[in-house]
N, C-alpha and C. Protein backbone atom coordinates (compact mmCIF):
# COMPACT_ATOMS: atom_id res chain seq x y z
N ALA A 1 132.38 139.78 93.05
CA ALA A 1 131.25 140.67 93.20
C ALA A 1 130.00 139.83 93.44
N ASP A 2 128.97 140.47 93.89
CA ASP A 2 127.71 139.78 94.15
C ASP A 2 126.58 140.64 93.59
N GLY A 3 125.60 140.02 92.99
CA GLY A 3 124.48 140.77 92.44
C GLY A 3 123.33 139.85 92.15
N SER A 4 122.19 140.43 91.91
CA SER A 4 121.03 139.64 91.50
C SER A 4 120.28 140.43 90.43
N ALA A 5 119.55 139.71 89.61
CA ALA A 5 118.81 140.34 88.52
C ALA A 5 117.65 139.44 88.16
N ALA A 6 116.65 140.01 87.52
CA ALA A 6 115.49 139.25 87.07
C ALA A 6 115.00 139.85 85.76
N ALA A 7 114.27 139.06 85.01
CA ALA A 7 113.68 139.54 83.77
C ALA A 7 112.21 139.13 83.75
N LEU A 8 111.38 140.01 83.27
CA LEU A 8 109.95 139.71 83.11
C LEU A 8 109.74 139.32 81.65
N ILE A 9 109.29 138.10 81.45
CA ILE A 9 109.06 137.60 80.11
C ILE A 9 107.58 137.28 79.98
N VAL A 10 106.95 137.84 78.93
CA VAL A 10 105.51 137.68 78.73
C VAL A 10 105.26 137.14 77.33
N PRO A 11 104.10 136.53 77.11
CA PRO A 11 103.76 136.05 75.77
C PRO A 11 103.65 137.21 74.79
N ASP A 12 103.84 136.92 73.52
CA ASP A 12 103.77 137.96 72.48
C ASP A 12 102.49 138.77 72.53
N LYS A 13 101.37 138.13 72.86
CA LYS A 13 100.10 138.85 72.87
C LYS A 13 100.09 139.97 73.92
N ASP A 14 100.98 139.88 74.90
CA ASP A 14 101.08 140.90 75.94
C ASP A 14 102.26 141.84 75.73
N ALA A 15 102.88 141.76 74.57
CA ALA A 15 104.10 142.51 74.32
C ALA A 15 103.87 144.01 74.40
N GLY A 16 104.76 144.66 75.09
CA GLY A 16 104.79 146.12 75.16
C GLY A 16 106.17 146.55 74.70
N ARG A 17 106.62 147.68 75.18
CA ARG A 17 107.96 148.13 74.84
C ARG A 17 108.97 147.20 75.50
N GLY A 18 109.85 146.67 74.72
CA GLY A 18 110.84 145.75 75.24
C GLY A 18 111.51 145.00 74.12
N LEU A 19 111.92 143.79 74.42
CA LEU A 19 112.62 142.95 73.45
C LEU A 19 111.80 141.72 73.14
N GLN A 20 111.93 141.26 71.93
CA GLN A 20 111.34 140.00 71.54
C GLN A 20 112.48 138.99 71.42
N LEU A 21 112.39 137.92 72.20
CA LEU A 21 113.41 136.87 72.14
C LEU A 21 113.18 136.06 70.88
N LYS A 22 114.18 136.05 70.01
CA LYS A 22 114.03 135.40 68.70
C LYS A 22 114.64 134.01 68.64
N HIS A 23 115.77 133.82 69.34
CA HIS A 23 116.47 132.55 69.17
C HIS A 23 117.46 132.33 70.30
N PHE A 24 117.63 131.06 70.68
CA PHE A 24 118.64 130.65 71.64
C PHE A 24 119.50 129.57 70.98
N TYR A 25 120.77 129.56 71.33
CA TYR A 25 121.68 128.55 70.78
C TYR A 25 122.80 128.32 71.79
N SER A 26 123.23 127.07 71.91
CA SER A 26 124.36 126.78 72.81
C SER A 26 125.24 125.70 72.22
N GLU A 27 126.48 125.72 72.66
CA GLU A 27 127.46 124.70 72.30
C GLU A 27 128.29 124.39 73.54
N ILE A 28 128.83 123.19 73.57
CA ILE A 28 129.75 122.81 74.63
C ILE A 28 131.11 122.57 74.01
N VAL A 29 132.12 123.21 74.58
CA VAL A 29 133.51 123.00 74.17
C VAL A 29 134.04 121.92 75.11
N SER A 30 133.93 120.67 74.69
CA SER A 30 134.21 119.55 75.59
C SER A 30 135.66 119.54 76.09
N ARG A 31 136.59 120.06 75.32
CA ARG A 31 137.97 120.08 75.80
C ARG A 31 138.16 121.07 76.96
N GLY A 32 137.10 121.84 77.27
CA GLY A 32 137.15 122.76 78.39
C GLY A 32 136.43 122.25 79.62
N LYS A 33 136.14 120.94 79.63
CA LYS A 33 135.35 120.35 80.72
C LYS A 33 135.95 120.63 82.10
N LYS A 34 137.25 120.60 82.22
CA LYS A 34 137.90 120.79 83.51
C LYS A 34 138.35 122.23 83.73
N GLU A 35 138.15 123.08 82.74
CA GLU A 35 138.67 124.45 82.82
C GLU A 35 137.72 125.40 83.55
N MET A 36 136.41 125.09 83.54
CA MET A 36 135.44 125.86 84.32
C MET A 36 134.48 124.85 84.95
N THR A 37 134.47 124.85 86.28
CA THR A 37 133.65 123.89 87.00
C THR A 37 132.87 124.58 88.12
N TRP A 38 131.75 124.00 88.46
CA TRP A 38 130.95 124.39 89.63
C TRP A 38 130.73 123.13 90.44
N ASP A 39 131.08 123.16 91.70
CA ASP A 39 130.85 122.04 92.60
C ASP A 39 130.08 122.54 93.81
N VAL A 40 129.24 121.66 94.34
CA VAL A 40 128.53 121.99 95.58
C VAL A 40 129.33 121.40 96.74
N SER A 41 129.63 122.24 97.71
CA SER A 41 130.34 121.77 98.90
C SER A 41 129.46 122.02 100.12
N SER A 42 129.93 121.63 101.27
CA SER A 42 129.16 121.83 102.50
C SER A 42 129.03 123.30 102.86
N THR A 43 129.86 124.15 102.24
CA THR A 43 129.80 125.59 102.52
C THR A 43 129.21 126.39 101.37
N GLY A 44 128.73 125.72 100.34
CA GLY A 44 128.12 126.42 99.21
C GLY A 44 128.76 126.01 97.90
N PHE A 45 128.59 126.86 96.90
CA PHE A 45 129.15 126.58 95.57
C PHE A 45 130.64 126.89 95.56
N ARG A 46 131.39 126.05 94.86
CA ARG A 46 132.82 126.27 94.69
C ARG A 46 133.10 126.27 93.19
N MET A 47 133.65 127.35 92.71
CA MET A 47 133.92 127.50 91.28
C MET A 47 135.39 127.24 91.00
N GLY A 48 135.64 126.50 89.92
CA GLY A 48 137.01 126.30 89.43
C GLY A 48 137.13 126.98 88.08
N LEU A 49 138.15 127.78 87.91
CA LEU A 49 138.33 128.53 86.66
C LEU A 49 139.82 128.60 86.35
N SER A 50 140.22 128.01 85.23
CA SER A 50 141.63 128.04 84.85
C SER A 50 141.89 129.18 83.87
N ASN A 51 143.15 129.52 83.72
CA ASN A 51 143.55 130.56 82.76
C ASN A 51 143.30 130.14 81.32
N TYR A 52 143.12 128.86 81.09
CA TYR A 52 142.91 128.34 79.75
C TYR A 52 141.54 128.70 79.18
N VAL A 53 140.60 129.10 80.04
CA VAL A 53 139.25 129.47 79.58
C VAL A 53 139.33 130.58 78.53
N THR A 54 140.17 131.57 78.78
CA THR A 54 140.32 132.68 77.82
C THR A 54 140.76 132.15 76.47
N ASP A 55 141.70 131.21 76.45
CA ASP A 55 142.17 130.64 75.18
C ASP A 55 141.05 129.88 74.47
N LEU A 56 140.27 129.11 75.24
CA LEU A 56 139.16 128.36 74.64
C LEU A 56 138.14 129.30 74.01
N ILE A 57 137.76 130.32 74.75
CA ILE A 57 136.79 131.28 74.23
C ILE A 57 137.34 131.99 73.01
N SER A 58 138.59 132.40 73.09
CA SER A 58 139.22 133.09 71.97
C SER A 58 139.21 132.24 70.72
N THR A 59 139.49 130.97 70.88
CA THR A 59 139.54 130.04 69.74
C THR A 59 138.16 129.74 69.17
N ASP A 60 137.15 129.65 70.05
CA ASP A 60 135.86 129.12 69.63
C ASP A 60 134.74 130.15 69.47
N ILE A 61 134.92 131.38 69.92
CA ILE A 61 133.80 132.34 69.91
C ILE A 61 133.34 132.70 68.50
N ALA A 62 134.26 132.84 67.56
CA ALA A 62 133.85 133.22 66.20
C ALA A 62 132.96 132.14 65.58
N GLY A 63 133.33 130.88 65.76
CA GLY A 63 132.51 129.78 65.24
C GLY A 63 131.16 129.71 65.93
N LEU A 64 131.16 129.92 67.24
CA LEU A 64 129.91 129.92 67.99
C LEU A 64 128.97 131.01 67.47
N VAL A 65 129.49 132.21 67.29
CA VAL A 65 128.67 133.32 66.79
C VAL A 65 128.13 132.98 65.40
N GLU A 66 128.99 132.46 64.55
CA GLU A 66 128.57 132.10 63.19
C GLU A 66 127.45 131.06 63.22
N HIS A 67 127.61 130.03 64.05
CA HIS A 67 126.58 128.98 64.15
C HIS A 67 125.27 129.53 64.71
N ALA A 68 125.37 130.34 65.76
CA ALA A 68 124.17 130.90 66.39
C ALA A 68 123.41 131.80 65.41
N LEU A 69 124.14 132.64 64.69
CA LEU A 69 123.50 133.54 63.73
C LEU A 69 122.85 132.74 62.60
N GLU A 70 123.55 131.73 62.11
CA GLU A 70 123.00 130.90 61.04
C GLU A 70 121.72 130.20 61.50
N LYS A 71 121.75 129.59 62.68
CA LYS A 71 120.56 128.90 63.21
C LYS A 71 119.42 129.88 63.47
N GLY A 72 119.76 131.13 63.85
CA GLY A 72 118.74 132.13 64.11
C GLY A 72 118.26 132.88 62.89
N GLY A 73 118.89 132.62 61.73
CA GLY A 73 118.49 133.29 60.49
C GLY A 73 118.81 134.77 60.48
N VAL A 74 119.91 135.15 61.14
CA VAL A 74 120.31 136.56 61.23
C VAL A 74 121.71 136.71 60.66
N GLN A 75 121.93 137.79 59.93
CA GLN A 75 123.26 138.11 59.41
C GLN A 75 124.02 138.94 60.43
N ARG A 76 125.33 138.78 60.50
CA ARG A 76 126.13 139.50 61.49
C ARG A 76 125.95 141.01 61.37
N GLN A 77 125.82 141.53 60.17
CA GLN A 77 125.68 142.97 59.98
C GLN A 77 124.35 143.50 60.53
N GLU A 78 123.39 142.61 60.81
CA GLU A 78 122.12 143.02 61.40
C GLU A 78 122.23 143.27 62.91
N ILE A 79 123.28 142.76 63.54
CA ILE A 79 123.45 142.92 64.99
C ILE A 79 123.82 144.36 65.28
N THR A 80 123.01 145.01 66.10
CA THR A 80 123.27 146.41 66.46
C THR A 80 123.92 146.53 67.83
N HIS A 81 123.76 145.50 68.67
CA HIS A 81 124.32 145.55 70.02
C HIS A 81 124.81 144.16 70.42
N TRP A 82 125.93 144.12 71.13
CA TRP A 82 126.52 142.88 71.60
C TRP A 82 126.46 142.85 73.12
N CYS A 83 125.76 141.87 73.65
CA CYS A 83 125.55 141.71 75.09
C CYS A 83 126.35 140.49 75.55
N VAL A 84 127.60 140.71 75.90
CA VAL A 84 128.50 139.60 76.25
C VAL A 84 128.78 139.61 77.74
N HIS A 85 128.65 138.44 78.36
CA HIS A 85 128.93 138.31 79.78
C HIS A 85 130.39 138.67 80.04
N PRO A 86 130.61 139.65 80.92
CA PRO A 86 131.99 140.08 81.19
C PRO A 86 132.64 139.22 82.28
N GLY A 87 133.08 138.04 81.88
CA GLY A 87 133.73 137.14 82.83
C GLY A 87 135.05 137.66 83.34
N GLY A 88 135.59 138.63 82.67
CA GLY A 88 136.85 139.25 83.05
C GLY A 88 137.39 140.05 81.89
N LYS A 89 138.31 140.96 82.18
CA LYS A 89 138.87 141.82 81.13
C LYS A 89 139.58 140.99 80.06
N LYS A 90 140.33 139.96 80.46
CA LYS A 90 141.04 139.13 79.48
C LYS A 90 140.06 138.42 78.55
N ILE A 91 138.94 137.97 79.09
CA ILE A 91 137.94 137.30 78.25
C ILE A 91 137.34 138.29 77.27
N LEU A 92 136.97 139.47 77.74
CA LEU A 92 136.41 140.48 76.83
C LEU A 92 137.43 140.89 75.77
N ASP A 93 138.68 141.07 76.17
CA ASP A 93 139.72 141.43 75.20
C ASP A 93 139.89 140.33 74.14
N ALA A 94 139.83 139.07 74.57
CA ALA A 94 139.96 137.96 73.63
C ALA A 94 138.79 137.92 72.65
N ILE A 95 137.59 138.16 73.15
CA ILE A 95 136.40 138.19 72.28
C ILE A 95 136.49 139.36 71.31
N HIS A 96 136.93 140.50 71.81
CA HIS A 96 137.09 141.69 70.98
C HIS A 96 138.02 141.40 69.80
N ARG A 97 139.14 140.76 70.09
CA ARG A 97 140.10 140.41 69.03
C ARG A 97 139.53 139.34 68.09
N SER A 98 138.95 138.28 68.66
CA SER A 98 138.47 137.16 67.86
C SER A 98 137.34 137.55 66.90
N LEU A 99 136.50 138.49 67.33
CA LEU A 99 135.39 138.92 66.48
C LEU A 99 135.73 140.17 65.67
N SER A 100 137.00 140.59 65.73
CA SER A 100 137.50 141.73 64.96
C SER A 100 136.69 143.00 65.21
N PHE A 101 136.32 143.24 66.46
CA PHE A 101 135.61 144.46 66.81
C PHE A 101 136.60 145.63 66.80
N SER A 102 136.10 146.79 66.38
CA SER A 102 136.96 147.97 66.37
C SER A 102 136.23 149.24 66.78
N ASN A 103 134.95 149.13 67.12
CA ASN A 103 134.18 150.35 67.34
C ASN A 103 133.39 150.36 68.65
N GLY A 104 133.94 149.76 69.70
CA GLY A 104 133.26 149.81 70.99
C GLY A 104 132.09 148.87 71.14
N ASN A 105 132.03 147.81 70.34
CA ASN A 105 130.90 146.87 70.42
C ASN A 105 130.72 146.28 71.82
N LEU A 106 131.81 146.15 72.57
CA LEU A 106 131.72 145.54 73.89
C LEU A 106 131.74 146.56 75.02
N ASP A 107 131.56 147.83 74.70
CA ASP A 107 131.56 148.87 75.74
C ASP A 107 130.58 148.59 76.88
N PRO A 108 129.34 148.14 76.60
CA PRO A 108 128.44 147.84 77.72
C PRO A 108 129.00 146.76 78.66
N SER A 109 129.64 145.75 78.10
CA SER A 109 130.22 144.69 78.92
C SER A 109 131.38 145.21 79.76
N TYR A 110 132.25 146.01 79.14
CA TYR A 110 133.37 146.60 79.88
C TYR A 110 132.85 147.53 80.98
N THR A 111 131.80 148.29 80.69
CA THR A 111 131.24 149.22 81.68
C THR A 111 130.72 148.47 82.90
N ILE A 112 129.95 147.42 82.68
CA ILE A 112 129.39 146.66 83.80
C ILE A 112 130.51 145.97 84.58
N LEU A 113 131.50 145.43 83.89
CA LEU A 113 132.63 144.80 84.58
C LEU A 113 133.34 145.82 85.47
N ARG A 114 133.55 147.02 84.95
CA ARG A 114 134.23 148.08 85.71
C ARG A 114 133.39 148.53 86.91
N GLN A 115 132.08 148.66 86.71
CA GLN A 115 131.21 149.16 87.78
C GLN A 115 130.90 148.13 88.86
N TYR A 116 130.70 146.87 88.46
CA TYR A 116 130.21 145.86 89.40
C TYR A 116 131.09 144.62 89.54
N GLY A 117 131.98 144.38 88.59
CA GLY A 117 132.74 143.14 88.58
C GLY A 117 131.93 142.02 87.96
N ASN A 118 132.47 140.82 88.01
CA ASN A 118 131.78 139.64 87.50
C ASN A 118 130.91 139.10 88.63
N MET A 119 129.61 139.19 88.46
CA MET A 119 128.66 138.73 89.47
C MET A 119 128.08 137.37 89.12
N SER A 120 128.78 136.62 88.30
CA SER A 120 128.34 135.32 87.82
C SER A 120 127.10 135.50 86.93
N SER A 121 126.14 134.62 87.00
CA SER A 121 125.00 134.62 86.06
C SER A 121 124.27 135.94 85.92
N PRO A 122 124.01 136.69 87.00
CA PRO A 122 123.24 137.94 86.84
C PRO A 122 123.93 139.00 85.98
N THR A 123 125.24 138.87 85.80
CA THR A 123 125.99 139.93 85.14
C THR A 123 125.49 140.23 83.74
N ILE A 124 125.11 139.21 82.99
CA ILE A 124 124.65 139.45 81.62
C ILE A 124 123.36 140.26 81.61
N LEU A 125 122.52 140.08 82.63
CA LEU A 125 121.29 140.89 82.69
C LEU A 125 121.61 142.34 83.03
N PHE A 126 122.67 142.60 83.77
CA PHE A 126 123.12 143.97 84.00
C PHE A 126 123.58 144.59 82.69
N VAL A 127 124.31 143.82 81.88
CA VAL A 127 124.76 144.31 80.57
C VAL A 127 123.54 144.58 79.69
N LEU A 128 122.58 143.66 79.67
CA LEU A 128 121.38 143.83 78.86
C LEU A 128 120.60 145.07 79.29
N GLN A 129 120.46 145.29 80.59
CA GLN A 129 119.77 146.49 81.07
C GLN A 129 120.50 147.75 80.61
N HIS A 130 121.82 147.72 80.69
CA HIS A 130 122.61 148.88 80.25
C HIS A 130 122.36 149.17 78.77
N ILE A 131 122.31 148.12 77.96
CA ILE A 131 122.04 148.28 76.53
C ILE A 131 120.63 148.83 76.32
N MET A 132 119.65 148.24 77.01
CA MET A 132 118.25 148.64 76.82
C MET A 132 118.01 150.09 77.23
N GLU A 133 118.73 150.58 78.22
CA GLU A 133 118.57 151.97 78.65
C GLU A 133 118.99 152.95 77.56
N GLY A 134 119.86 152.50 76.64
CA GLY A 134 120.32 153.36 75.57
C GLY A 134 119.62 153.15 74.23
N LEU A 135 118.65 152.25 74.19
CA LEU A 135 117.98 151.94 72.92
C LEU A 135 116.96 153.00 72.55
N SER A 136 116.86 153.22 71.25
CA SER A 136 115.75 153.99 70.71
C SER A 136 114.74 152.96 70.21
N TYR A 137 113.55 152.96 70.77
CA TYR A 137 112.55 151.98 70.39
C TYR A 137 111.81 152.40 69.12
N HIS A 138 112.25 153.51 68.51
CA HIS A 138 111.69 153.94 67.23
C HIS A 138 112.51 153.35 66.09
N GLU A 139 113.62 152.69 66.43
CA GLU A 139 114.50 152.07 65.44
C GLU A 139 114.51 150.57 65.67
N SER A 140 114.90 149.85 64.64
CA SER A 140 115.05 148.41 64.77
C SER A 140 116.39 148.11 65.42
N ASN A 141 116.38 147.30 66.46
CA ASN A 141 117.60 146.90 67.15
C ASN A 141 117.65 145.39 67.22
N CYS A 142 118.82 144.84 67.04
CA CYS A 142 119.02 143.40 67.14
C CYS A 142 120.20 143.17 68.08
N ILE A 143 119.95 142.44 69.16
CA ILE A 143 120.95 142.21 70.19
C ILE A 143 121.39 140.75 70.16
N PHE A 144 122.69 140.56 70.16
CA PHE A 144 123.26 139.21 70.26
C PHE A 144 123.88 139.10 71.64
N GLY A 145 123.46 138.10 72.40
CA GLY A 145 123.99 137.89 73.74
C GLY A 145 124.76 136.59 73.82
N ALA A 146 125.81 136.58 74.63
CA ALA A 146 126.61 135.37 74.84
C ALA A 146 127.11 135.31 76.28
N ALA A 147 127.05 134.12 76.84
CA ALA A 147 127.56 133.89 78.19
C ALA A 147 128.22 132.51 78.22
N PHE A 148 128.99 132.29 79.26
CA PHE A 148 129.81 131.08 79.34
C PHE A 148 129.60 130.42 80.69
N GLY A 149 129.59 129.08 80.69
CA GLY A 149 129.38 128.36 81.94
C GLY A 149 130.21 127.10 81.99
N PRO A 150 129.99 126.34 83.04
CA PRO A 150 130.78 125.13 83.26
C PRO A 150 130.72 124.19 82.08
N GLY A 151 131.84 123.58 81.84
CA GLY A 151 131.84 122.50 80.87
C GLY A 151 132.73 122.59 79.65
N LEU A 152 133.06 123.53 79.05
CA LEU A 152 132.76 124.93 78.94
C LEU A 152 131.55 125.11 78.02
N THR A 153 130.45 125.59 78.58
CA THR A 153 129.23 125.82 77.83
C THR A 153 129.20 127.26 77.34
N MET A 154 128.82 127.43 76.08
CA MET A 154 128.65 128.76 75.50
C MET A 154 127.19 128.90 75.12
N GLU A 155 126.50 129.84 75.75
CA GLU A 155 125.07 130.06 75.54
C GLU A 155 124.85 131.39 74.83
N THR A 156 123.91 131.44 73.89
CA THR A 156 123.64 132.69 73.17
C THR A 156 122.14 132.94 73.07
N PHE A 157 121.81 134.20 72.82
CA PHE A 157 120.44 134.57 72.49
C PHE A 157 120.47 135.68 71.46
N ILE A 158 119.38 135.78 70.71
CA ILE A 158 119.18 136.89 69.77
C ILE A 158 117.83 137.51 70.14
N ALA A 159 117.82 138.81 70.33
CA ALA A 159 116.60 139.52 70.69
C ALA A 159 116.48 140.75 69.81
N GLN A 160 115.24 141.17 69.55
CA GLN A 160 114.99 142.36 68.74
C GLN A 160 113.97 143.26 69.43
N THR A 161 114.10 144.56 69.15
CA THR A 161 113.06 145.47 69.62
C THR A 161 111.87 145.32 68.68
N HIS A 162 110.71 145.62 69.20
CA HIS A 162 109.49 145.53 68.37
C HIS A 162 108.64 146.72 68.63
């Protein structure tokens, strides 16, 4: 799939209705260095993706979430929405199992995957937009986001409504 997305980020003094970015955290799963790659060729970007990526994410996502929440000073029970990059159905299913989800926590990710496919980096912003369209800004919301990249890099963010 192909897509593009953008986000408008402003200083706190200009904050309106939206999200406040609270924390970013990343880890590299070095044993996945060859499992997801991006190379530049004469015809553009060339992506390498092995079936082992799902296993790596499945094994490491719970620890990543725990570390990110700890560094961000947030308890897991405070998370009201999960914004996970839908790299594929197998990846989402593995995350669902690894994080012991049982109540549709990844529905926004599955919805975007079904509607648009994996559009690479912009996909997580499509998931975030889908989540934000359903938010009540009269309530406190805490969103945990996670995406995956070459190396295997796992990137996260924590955002809250204000």
